[in-house]
């Protein structure tokens, strides 16, 4: 079974990306690059380019039919304006992880929480993996509040080299088991 086309909750919509979203995503990353770079090592001028986002959108669109692959979704507001991205990511070591980010102008309104809740529901209904995680740096208190509110279990902290500007290198691990 492939990724659902569209789901919504309380004014937050997750919908599959299309290649036509590349320009909007490039603009969102460009406008938010300083905000995102604090926690996201990938956030830079290169990933804010139209070319990089076109390539990313093509990869995302191709991956939706893989029932065990990474699924990226556009986070949209109630007017269907793209305001960020949320994903079920397959890591190199096989872990499944929920990730999310928002355009700097749309933080603090519950969109990331609702997006993570929707992805958790998609994972439960559409995927057969036994476990999913949410990870964030210990200093990223806004992101850490999300798995706590969704009932994920805090497993502890993994020390690793910092990858982004504001990271401490202490990565919090939250999980949900079937």
N, C-alpha and C. Protein backbone atom coordinates (compact mmCIF):
# COMPACT_ATOMS: atom_id res chain seq x y z
N UNK A 1 0.85 -1.17 0.00
CA UNK A 1 0.00 0.00 0.00
C UNK A 1 0.89 1.23 0.00
N UNK A 2 0.59 2.20 -0.83
CA UNK A 2 1.40 3.41 -0.93
C UNK A 2 0.99 4.46 0.08
N UNK A 3 1.72 5.53 0.07
CA UNK A 3 1.48 6.65 0.98
C UNK A 3 0.13 7.29 0.67
N UNK A 4 -0.63 7.64 1.71
CA UNK A 4 -1.89 8.34 1.48
C UNK A 4 -1.66 9.66 0.73
N UNK A 5 -2.62 10.06 -0.06
CA UNK A 5 -2.51 11.30 -0.84
C UNK A 5 -2.57 12.55 0.04
N UNK A 6 -3.52 12.53 1.00
CA UNK A 6 -3.78 13.75 1.78
C UNK A 6 -4.47 13.37 3.08
N UNK A 7 -4.02 13.98 4.18
CA UNK A 7 -4.66 13.82 5.48
C UNK A 7 -4.67 15.19 6.15
N UNK A 8 -5.60 15.42 7.05
CA UNK A 8 -5.64 16.72 7.72
C UNK A 8 -6.14 16.60 9.15
N UNK A 9 -5.75 17.60 9.93
CA UNK A 9 -6.11 17.65 11.33
C UNK A 9 -6.03 19.09 11.81
N UNK A 10 -7.13 19.64 12.26
CA UNK A 10 -7.15 20.94 12.92
C UNK A 10 -6.48 22.08 12.19
N UNK A 11 -6.67 22.20 10.91
CA UNK A 11 -6.07 23.30 10.16
C UNK A 11 -4.69 23.01 9.60
N UNK A 12 -4.20 21.80 9.80
CA UNK A 12 -2.92 21.37 9.23
C UNK A 12 -3.20 20.24 8.24
N UNK A 13 -2.64 20.37 7.06
CA UNK A 13 -2.83 19.38 6.00
C UNK A 13 -1.47 18.79 5.65
N UNK A 14 -1.42 17.47 5.52
CA UNK A 14 -0.27 16.82 4.90
C UNK A 14 -0.74 16.30 3.56
N UNK A 15 0.00 16.61 2.53
CA UNK A 15 -0.31 16.08 1.21
C UNK A 15 0.97 15.69 0.51
N UNK A 16 0.84 14.73 -0.38
CA UNK A 16 2.00 14.31 -1.15
C UNK A 16 2.56 15.50 -1.93
N UNK A 17 3.86 15.55 -2.03
CA UNK A 17 4.50 16.55 -2.87
C UNK A 17 4.25 16.22 -4.33
N UNK A 18 4.31 17.24 -5.16
CA UNK A 18 4.39 17.07 -6.60
C UNK A 18 5.64 17.82 -7.06
N UNK A 19 6.09 17.57 -8.26
CA UNK A 19 7.25 18.28 -8.79
C UNK A 19 6.95 19.78 -8.85
N UNK A 20 5.70 20.14 -9.02
CA UNK A 20 5.31 21.55 -9.07
C UNK A 20 5.54 22.29 -7.75
N UNK A 21 5.78 21.56 -6.67
CA UNK A 21 6.04 22.19 -5.37
C UNK A 21 7.49 22.67 -5.21
N UNK A 22 8.35 22.38 -6.17
CA UNK A 22 9.78 22.68 -6.02
C UNK A 22 10.05 24.16 -5.78
N UNK A 23 9.42 25.03 -6.53
CA UNK A 23 9.68 26.47 -6.38
C UNK A 23 9.21 26.97 -5.01
N UNK A 24 8.06 26.49 -4.56
CA UNK A 24 7.55 26.88 -3.25
C UNK A 24 8.47 26.39 -2.14
N UNK A 25 8.95 25.16 -2.26
CA UNK A 25 9.85 24.62 -1.24
C UNK A 25 11.19 25.35 -1.26
N UNK A 26 11.70 25.66 -2.43
CA UNK A 26 12.95 26.40 -2.51
C UNK A 26 12.81 27.76 -1.83
N UNK A 27 11.69 28.43 -2.05
CA UNK A 27 11.46 29.73 -1.41
C UNK A 27 11.31 29.59 0.10
N UNK A 28 10.65 28.53 0.56
CA UNK A 28 10.48 28.32 2.00
C UNK A 28 11.81 28.05 2.67
N UNK A 29 12.65 27.22 2.06
CA UNK A 29 13.97 26.94 2.62
C UNK A 29 14.81 28.22 2.61
N UNK A 30 14.79 28.96 1.51
CA UNK A 30 15.58 30.19 1.41
C UNK A 30 15.17 31.20 2.48
N UNK A 31 13.87 31.37 2.69
CA UNK A 31 13.39 32.34 3.68
C UNK A 31 13.69 31.89 5.10
N UNK A 32 13.87 30.59 5.30
CA UNK A 32 14.02 30.02 6.64
C UNK A 32 15.40 29.46 6.90
N UNK A 33 16.35 29.63 5.98
CA UNK A 33 17.62 28.92 6.07
C UNK A 33 18.35 29.22 7.38
N UNK A 34 18.35 30.44 7.85
CA UNK A 34 19.04 30.75 9.11
C UNK A 34 18.35 30.04 10.28
N UNK A 35 17.03 30.07 10.30
CA UNK A 35 16.24 29.39 11.34
C UNK A 35 16.48 27.88 11.30
N UNK A 36 16.44 27.30 10.11
CA UNK A 36 16.59 25.85 9.95
C UNK A 36 18.01 25.38 10.22
N UNK A 37 19.00 26.18 9.82
CA UNK A 37 20.40 25.77 9.95
C UNK A 37 20.81 25.55 11.40
N UNK A 38 20.07 26.12 12.34
CA UNK A 38 20.39 25.89 13.76
C UNK A 38 20.27 24.41 14.10
N UNK A 39 19.31 23.71 13.47
CA UNK A 39 19.03 22.31 13.83
C UNK A 39 19.17 21.33 12.68
N UNK A 40 19.19 21.81 11.46
CA UNK A 40 19.18 20.95 10.28
C UNK A 40 20.47 21.13 9.49
N UNK A 41 21.38 20.15 9.51
CA UNK A 41 22.65 20.32 8.82
C UNK A 41 22.52 20.48 7.31
N UNK A 42 21.41 20.08 6.74
CA UNK A 42 21.21 20.18 5.30
C UNK A 42 20.80 21.59 4.86
N UNK A 43 20.37 22.44 5.79
CA UNK A 43 19.81 23.75 5.44
C UNK A 43 20.93 24.73 5.05
N UNK A 44 20.97 25.07 3.77
CA UNK A 44 21.97 26.00 3.27
C UNK A 44 21.48 26.57 1.94
N UNK A 45 22.27 27.44 1.35
CA UNK A 45 21.87 28.08 0.09
C UNK A 45 21.71 27.06 -1.04
N UNK A 46 22.50 26.01 -1.03
CA UNK A 46 22.40 25.00 -2.08
C UNK A 46 21.06 24.28 -2.02
N UNK A 47 20.63 23.87 -0.82
CA UNK A 47 19.35 23.16 -0.71
C UNK A 47 18.16 24.09 -0.92
N UNK A 48 18.41 25.40 -0.86
CA UNK A 48 17.35 26.38 -1.12
C UNK A 48 17.20 26.67 -2.61
N UNK A 49 18.02 26.05 -3.43
CA UNK A 49 17.95 26.32 -4.88
C UNK A 49 16.80 25.55 -5.52
N UNK A 50 16.31 26.10 -6.60
CA UNK A 50 15.24 25.44 -7.35
C UNK A 50 15.71 24.09 -7.87
N UNK A 51 16.95 24.01 -8.32
CA UNK A 51 17.48 22.76 -8.86
C UNK A 51 17.48 21.66 -7.79
N UNK A 52 17.96 22.00 -6.60
CA UNK A 52 18.00 21.01 -5.51
C UNK A 52 16.60 20.56 -5.13
N UNK A 53 15.66 21.49 -5.10
CA UNK A 53 14.29 21.12 -4.73
C UNK A 53 13.59 20.36 -5.84
N UNK A 54 13.92 20.64 -7.09
CA UNK A 54 13.36 19.84 -8.19
C UNK A 54 13.81 18.39 -8.06
N UNK A 55 15.10 18.19 -7.80
CA UNK A 55 15.62 16.84 -7.64
C UNK A 55 14.95 16.16 -6.44
N UNK A 56 14.81 16.88 -5.34
CA UNK A 56 14.17 16.32 -4.14
C UNK A 56 12.72 15.95 -4.40
N UNK A 57 11.99 16.81 -5.10
CA UNK A 57 10.57 16.53 -5.39
C UNK A 57 10.45 15.30 -6.29
N UNK A 58 11.32 15.17 -7.27
CA UNK A 58 11.27 13.99 -8.15
C UNK A 58 11.52 12.71 -7.33
N UNK A 59 12.48 12.75 -6.42
CA UNK A 59 12.76 11.59 -5.57
C UNK A 59 11.57 11.29 -4.66
N UNK A 60 10.98 12.33 -4.08
CA UNK A 60 9.83 12.13 -3.19
C UNK A 60 8.66 11.51 -3.92
N UNK A 61 8.35 12.04 -5.09
CA UNK A 61 7.22 11.53 -5.87
C UNK A 61 7.45 10.06 -6.23
N UNK A 62 8.66 9.70 -6.61
CA UNK A 62 8.95 8.32 -6.98
C UNK A 62 8.85 7.36 -5.80
N UNK A 63 9.08 7.86 -4.59
CA UNK A 63 9.14 6.99 -3.40
C UNK A 63 7.78 6.66 -2.79
N UNK A 64 6.73 7.35 -3.17
CA UNK A 64 5.45 7.16 -2.50
C UNK A 64 4.87 5.75 -2.61
N UNK A 65 5.21 5.03 -3.64
CA UNK A 65 4.65 3.70 -3.81
C UNK A 65 5.42 2.61 -3.08
N UNK A 66 6.57 2.96 -2.50
CA UNK A 66 7.36 2.00 -1.75
C UNK A 66 6.82 1.93 -0.32
N UNK A 67 6.19 0.82 0.06
CA UNK A 67 5.54 0.74 1.38
C UNK A 67 6.53 0.74 2.54
N UNK A 68 7.82 0.64 2.26
CA UNK A 68 8.81 0.63 3.34
C UNK A 68 9.85 1.74 3.17
N UNK A 69 9.61 2.65 2.23
CA UNK A 69 10.57 3.71 1.95
C UNK A 69 10.26 5.01 2.67
N UNK A 70 11.05 6.02 2.38
CA UNK A 70 10.83 7.35 2.94
C UNK A 70 9.64 8.00 2.26
N UNK A 71 8.76 8.57 3.07
CA UNK A 71 7.61 9.30 2.54
C UNK A 71 7.70 10.74 3.03
N UNK A 72 7.83 11.68 2.08
CA UNK A 72 7.86 13.11 2.39
C UNK A 72 6.50 13.72 2.08
N UNK A 73 6.08 14.61 2.96
CA UNK A 73 4.81 15.31 2.76
C UNK A 73 4.99 16.81 2.88
N UNK A 74 4.25 17.54 2.09
CA UNK A 74 4.15 18.98 2.28
C UNK A 74 3.25 19.22 3.49
N UNK A 75 3.71 20.06 4.40
CA UNK A 75 2.83 20.54 5.46
C UNK A 75 2.18 21.80 4.91
N UNK A 76 0.86 21.83 4.92
CA UNK A 76 0.11 22.97 4.39
C UNK A 76 -0.80 23.52 5.47
N UNK A 77 -1.13 24.80 5.34
CA UNK A 77 -2.09 25.40 6.26
C UNK A 77 -3.50 25.15 5.73
N UNK A 78 -4.48 25.70 6.42
CA UNK A 78 -5.88 25.47 6.04
C UNK A 78 -6.22 25.99 4.65
N UNK A 79 -5.38 26.89 4.08
CA UNK A 79 -5.59 27.42 2.73
C UNK A 79 -4.78 26.65 1.68
N UNK A 80 -4.19 25.53 2.09
CA UNK A 80 -3.37 24.67 1.24
C UNK A 80 -2.07 25.32 0.80
N UNK A 81 -1.62 26.35 1.53
CA UNK A 81 -0.31 26.95 1.26
C UNK A 81 0.76 26.07 1.91
N UNK A 82 1.81 25.76 1.18
CA UNK A 82 2.89 24.92 1.69
C UNK A 82 3.70 25.73 2.70
N UNK A 83 3.82 25.17 3.94
CA UNK A 83 4.53 25.88 5.01
C UNK A 83 5.65 25.04 5.62
N UNK A 84 5.92 23.86 5.08
CA UNK A 84 7.00 23.04 5.62
C UNK A 84 6.97 21.64 5.05
N UNK A 85 7.66 20.76 5.74
CA UNK A 85 7.81 19.38 5.30
C UNK A 85 7.79 18.46 6.51
N UNK A 86 7.17 17.31 6.35
CA UNK A 86 7.17 16.26 7.38
C UNK A 86 7.39 14.93 6.66
N UNK A 87 8.15 14.05 7.31
CA UNK A 87 8.54 12.82 6.64
C UNK A 87 8.57 11.64 7.59
N UNK A 88 8.32 10.47 7.02
CA UNK A 88 8.72 9.21 7.63
C UNK A 88 9.98 8.84 6.88
N UNK A 89 11.11 8.88 7.59
CA UNK A 89 12.41 8.71 6.97
C UNK A 89 12.97 7.33 7.30
N UNK A 90 13.54 6.68 6.30
CA UNK A 90 14.26 5.44 6.52
C UNK A 90 15.74 5.80 6.58
N UNK A 91 16.35 5.60 7.74
CA UNK A 91 17.76 5.93 7.95
C UNK A 91 18.65 4.81 7.41
N UNK A 92 19.91 5.12 7.20
CA UNK A 92 20.86 4.15 6.65
C UNK A 92 20.97 2.88 7.48
N UNK A 93 20.77 3.01 8.80
CA UNK A 93 20.86 1.84 9.67
C UNK A 93 19.54 1.08 9.79
N UNK A 94 18.53 1.50 9.00
CA UNK A 94 17.24 0.81 8.97
C UNK A 94 16.19 1.39 9.90
N UNK A 95 16.58 2.32 10.77
CA UNK A 95 15.60 2.94 11.66
C UNK A 95 14.57 3.72 10.85
N UNK A 96 13.36 3.80 11.40
CA UNK A 96 12.31 4.66 10.85
C UNK A 96 12.17 5.82 11.80
N UNK A 97 12.11 7.02 11.23
CA UNK A 97 12.09 8.23 12.05
C UNK A 97 11.14 9.24 11.44
N UNK A 98 10.41 9.93 12.29
CA UNK A 98 9.57 11.03 11.85
C UNK A 98 10.38 12.31 12.00
N UNK A 99 10.39 13.10 10.95
CA UNK A 99 11.06 14.39 10.96
C UNK A 99 10.12 15.47 10.45
N UNK A 100 10.41 16.71 10.80
CA UNK A 100 9.53 17.82 10.41
C UNK A 100 10.29 19.13 10.49
N UNK A 101 9.88 20.07 9.66
CA UNK A 101 10.36 21.44 9.77
C UNK A 101 9.31 22.37 9.18
N UNK A 102 9.35 23.60 9.65
CA UNK A 102 8.39 24.61 9.20
C UNK A 102 9.10 25.86 8.73
N UNK A 103 8.46 26.55 7.80
CA UNK A 103 8.88 27.90 7.42
C UNK A 103 8.91 28.74 8.68
N UNK A 104 9.90 29.57 8.81
CA UNK A 104 10.10 30.35 10.04
C UNK A 104 8.86 31.15 10.44
N UNK A 105 8.06 31.61 9.49
CA UNK A 105 6.87 32.42 9.80
C UNK A 105 5.69 31.59 10.30
N UNK A 106 5.82 30.26 10.31
CA UNK A 106 4.69 29.41 10.68
C UNK A 106 4.95 28.56 11.91
N UNK A 107 6.01 28.85 12.63
CA UNK A 107 6.30 28.11 13.86
C UNK A 107 5.41 28.62 15.00
N UNK A 108 5.22 27.77 15.99
CA UNK A 108 4.48 28.18 17.18
C UNK A 108 2.97 28.15 17.06
N UNK A 109 2.45 27.55 15.99
CA UNK A 109 1.00 27.49 15.79
C UNK A 109 0.45 26.07 15.82
N UNK A 110 1.28 25.11 16.21
CA UNK A 110 0.84 23.72 16.34
C UNK A 110 0.93 22.89 15.07
N UNK A 111 1.41 23.47 13.98
CA UNK A 111 1.47 22.71 12.72
C UNK A 111 2.43 21.52 12.81
N UNK A 112 3.58 21.71 13.43
CA UNK A 112 4.55 20.60 13.53
C UNK A 112 3.98 19.48 14.41
N UNK A 113 3.34 19.84 15.50
CA UNK A 113 2.71 18.84 16.36
C UNK A 113 1.65 18.05 15.60
N UNK A 114 0.78 18.75 14.91
CA UNK A 114 -0.28 18.06 14.16
C UNK A 114 0.30 17.24 13.01
N UNK A 115 1.35 17.75 12.36
CA UNK A 115 1.99 16.98 11.28
C UNK A 115 2.59 15.70 11.83
N UNK A 116 3.28 15.77 12.97
CA UNK A 116 3.86 14.56 13.58
C UNK A 116 2.76 13.60 14.03
N UNK A 117 1.65 14.13 14.52
CA UNK A 117 0.54 13.27 14.91
C UNK A 117 -0.04 12.56 13.68
N UNK A 118 -0.21 13.29 12.60
CA UNK A 118 -0.72 12.68 11.37
C UNK A 118 0.24 11.62 10.84
N UNK A 119 1.54 11.90 10.86
CA UNK A 119 2.51 10.89 10.40
C UNK A 119 2.51 9.67 11.30
N UNK A 120 2.33 9.87 12.59
CA UNK A 120 2.23 8.73 13.51
C UNK A 120 1.02 7.87 13.15
N UNK A 121 -0.10 8.51 12.84
CA UNK A 121 -1.31 7.78 12.44
C UNK A 121 -1.10 7.06 11.11
N UNK A 122 -0.43 7.72 10.16
CA UNK A 122 -0.12 7.07 8.88
C UNK A 122 0.76 5.85 9.12
N UNK A 123 1.79 6.01 9.94
CA UNK A 123 2.69 4.89 10.25
C UNK A 123 1.90 3.72 10.82
N UNK A 124 1.01 3.99 11.77
CA UNK A 124 0.22 2.91 12.38
C UNK A 124 -0.68 2.22 11.37
N UNK A 125 -1.31 3.00 10.50
CA UNK A 125 -2.31 2.44 9.58
C UNK A 125 -1.71 1.86 8.30
N UNK A 126 -0.61 2.40 7.82
CA UNK A 126 -0.13 2.06 6.50
C UNK A 126 1.17 1.27 6.46
N UNK A 127 1.88 1.22 7.57
CA UNK A 127 3.22 0.63 7.54
C UNK A 127 3.31 -0.50 8.55
N UNK A 128 4.25 -1.41 8.31
CA UNK A 128 4.32 -2.58 9.19
C UNK A 128 5.57 -2.62 10.05
N UNK A 129 6.33 -1.53 10.09
CA UNK A 129 7.52 -1.52 10.93
C UNK A 129 7.13 -1.60 12.41
N UNK A 130 7.94 -2.28 13.22
CA UNK A 130 7.59 -2.47 14.62
C UNK A 130 7.84 -1.24 15.50
N UNK A 131 8.58 -0.26 14.98
CA UNK A 131 8.98 0.86 15.81
C UNK A 131 9.25 2.09 14.95
N UNK A 132 8.96 3.25 15.54
CA UNK A 132 9.31 4.52 14.89
C UNK A 132 9.88 5.45 15.94
N UNK A 133 10.75 6.35 15.52
CA UNK A 133 11.40 7.27 16.45
C UNK A 133 11.20 8.72 16.02
N UNK A 134 11.37 9.59 16.99
CA UNK A 134 11.57 11.01 16.75
C UNK A 134 12.84 11.35 17.51
N UNK A 135 13.78 12.00 16.83
CA UNK A 135 15.05 12.37 17.45
C UNK A 135 15.26 13.87 17.28
N UNK A 136 15.87 14.47 18.29
CA UNK A 136 16.25 15.88 18.19
C UNK A 136 17.32 16.18 19.21
N UNK A 137 18.04 17.24 18.97
CA UNK A 137 19.07 17.64 19.91
C UNK A 137 18.43 18.07 21.22
N UNK A 138 19.13 17.81 22.31
CA UNK A 138 18.63 18.14 23.65
C UNK A 138 18.30 19.63 23.79
N UNK A 139 19.00 20.50 23.09
CA UNK A 139 18.75 21.93 23.18
C UNK A 139 17.53 22.38 22.38
N UNK A 140 17.01 21.53 21.50
CA UNK A 140 15.87 21.89 20.66
C UNK A 140 14.57 21.59 21.42
N UNK A 141 14.26 22.44 22.37
CA UNK A 141 13.13 22.19 23.27
C UNK A 141 11.78 22.21 22.54
N UNK A 142 11.67 23.03 21.51
CA UNK A 142 10.41 23.07 20.76
C UNK A 142 10.15 21.73 20.09
N UNK A 143 11.17 21.18 19.45
CA UNK A 143 11.01 19.89 18.78
C UNK A 143 10.80 18.77 19.79
N UNK A 144 11.50 18.83 20.91
CA UNK A 144 11.39 17.78 21.94
C UNK A 144 10.01 17.73 22.58
N UNK A 145 9.29 18.83 22.56
CA UNK A 145 7.95 18.82 23.16
C UNK A 145 6.96 17.99 22.36
N UNK A 146 7.23 17.78 21.09
CA UNK A 146 6.28 17.08 20.21
C UNK A 146 6.16 15.60 20.55
N UNK A 147 7.23 14.82 20.59
CA UNK A 147 7.05 13.40 20.94
C UNK A 147 6.49 13.22 22.34
N UNK A 148 6.85 14.11 23.24
CA UNK A 148 6.32 14.03 24.61
C UNK A 148 4.79 14.17 24.59
N UNK A 149 4.29 15.15 23.83
CA UNK A 149 2.84 15.38 23.75
C UNK A 149 2.12 14.24 23.03
N UNK A 150 2.82 13.55 22.14
CA UNK A 150 2.20 12.46 21.37
C UNK A 150 2.30 11.10 22.05
N UNK A 151 2.88 11.06 23.24
CA UNK A 151 2.95 9.80 23.97
C UNK A 151 4.11 8.90 23.60
N UNK A 152 5.10 9.43 22.90
CA UNK A 152 6.30 8.64 22.62
C UNK A 152 7.06 8.44 23.92
N UNK A 153 7.82 7.36 24.00
CA UNK A 153 8.62 7.04 25.18
C UNK A 153 10.01 7.63 25.02
N UNK A 154 10.44 8.38 26.02
CA UNK A 154 11.80 8.91 26.02
C UNK A 154 12.74 7.79 26.41
N UNK A 155 13.67 7.45 25.52
CA UNK A 155 14.60 6.34 25.77
C UNK A 155 15.93 6.78 26.33
N UNK A 156 16.30 8.02 26.07
CA UNK A 156 17.58 8.51 26.57
C UNK A 156 18.25 9.40 25.57
N UNK A 157 19.53 9.64 25.83
CA UNK A 157 20.32 10.55 25.02
C UNK A 157 21.50 9.80 24.42
N UNK A 158 21.73 10.03 23.15
CA UNK A 158 22.86 9.46 22.43
C UNK A 158 23.84 10.61 22.16
N UNK A 159 25.07 10.44 22.58
CA UNK A 159 26.10 11.43 22.28
C UNK A 159 26.62 11.20 20.88
N UNK A 160 26.75 12.29 20.12
CA UNK A 160 27.28 12.24 18.77
C UNK A 160 27.84 13.62 18.43
N UNK A 161 28.69 13.71 17.45
CA UNK A 161 29.23 15.03 17.09
C UNK A 161 28.11 15.95 16.60
N UNK A 162 28.10 17.20 17.04
CA UNK A 162 27.09 18.15 16.53
C UNK A 162 27.23 18.31 15.02
N UNK A 163 26.10 18.42 14.34
CA UNK A 163 26.10 18.59 12.88
C UNK A 163 25.57 19.94 12.45
N UNK A 164 24.80 20.58 13.29
CA UNK A 164 24.21 21.88 12.96
C UNK A 164 24.63 22.91 14.01
N UNK A 165 24.45 24.18 13.68
CA UNK A 165 24.97 25.29 14.47
C UNK A 165 24.60 25.26 15.95
N UNK A 166 23.36 24.99 16.27
CA UNK A 166 22.89 25.09 17.66
C UNK A 166 22.95 23.77 18.43
N UNK A 167 23.32 22.71 17.75
CA UNK A 167 23.32 21.40 18.40
C UNK A 167 24.40 21.28 19.48
N UNK A 168 24.05 20.54 20.51
CA UNK A 168 24.99 20.25 21.59
C UNK A 168 25.72 18.92 21.37
N UNK A 169 25.16 18.08 20.49
CA UNK A 169 25.71 16.74 20.29
C UNK A 169 25.07 15.71 21.19
N UNK A 170 24.04 16.13 21.90
CA UNK A 170 23.29 15.22 22.77
C UNK A 170 21.90 15.04 22.14
N UNK A 171 21.74 13.91 21.46
CA UNK A 171 20.52 13.65 20.70
C UNK A 171 19.52 12.86 21.55
N UNK A 172 18.34 13.44 21.73
CA UNK A 172 17.27 12.78 22.46
C UNK A 172 16.60 11.75 21.54
N UNK A 173 16.31 10.59 22.09
CA UNK A 173 15.65 9.52 21.32
C UNK A 173 14.31 9.24 21.96
N UNK A 174 13.26 9.40 21.16
CA UNK A 174 11.88 9.09 21.56
C UNK A 174 11.38 8.00 20.64
N UNK A 175 10.62 7.05 21.18
CA UNK A 175 10.15 5.95 20.31
C UNK A 175 8.71 5.59 20.61
N UNK A 176 8.15 4.92 19.63
CA UNK A 176 6.81 4.36 19.74
C UNK A 176 6.89 2.96 19.16
N UNK A 177 6.41 2.01 19.91
CA UNK A 177 6.41 0.61 19.48
C UNK A 177 4.98 0.23 19.08
N UNK A 178 4.89 -0.76 18.23
CA UNK A 178 3.55 -1.27 17.86
C UNK A 178 2.89 -1.88 19.05
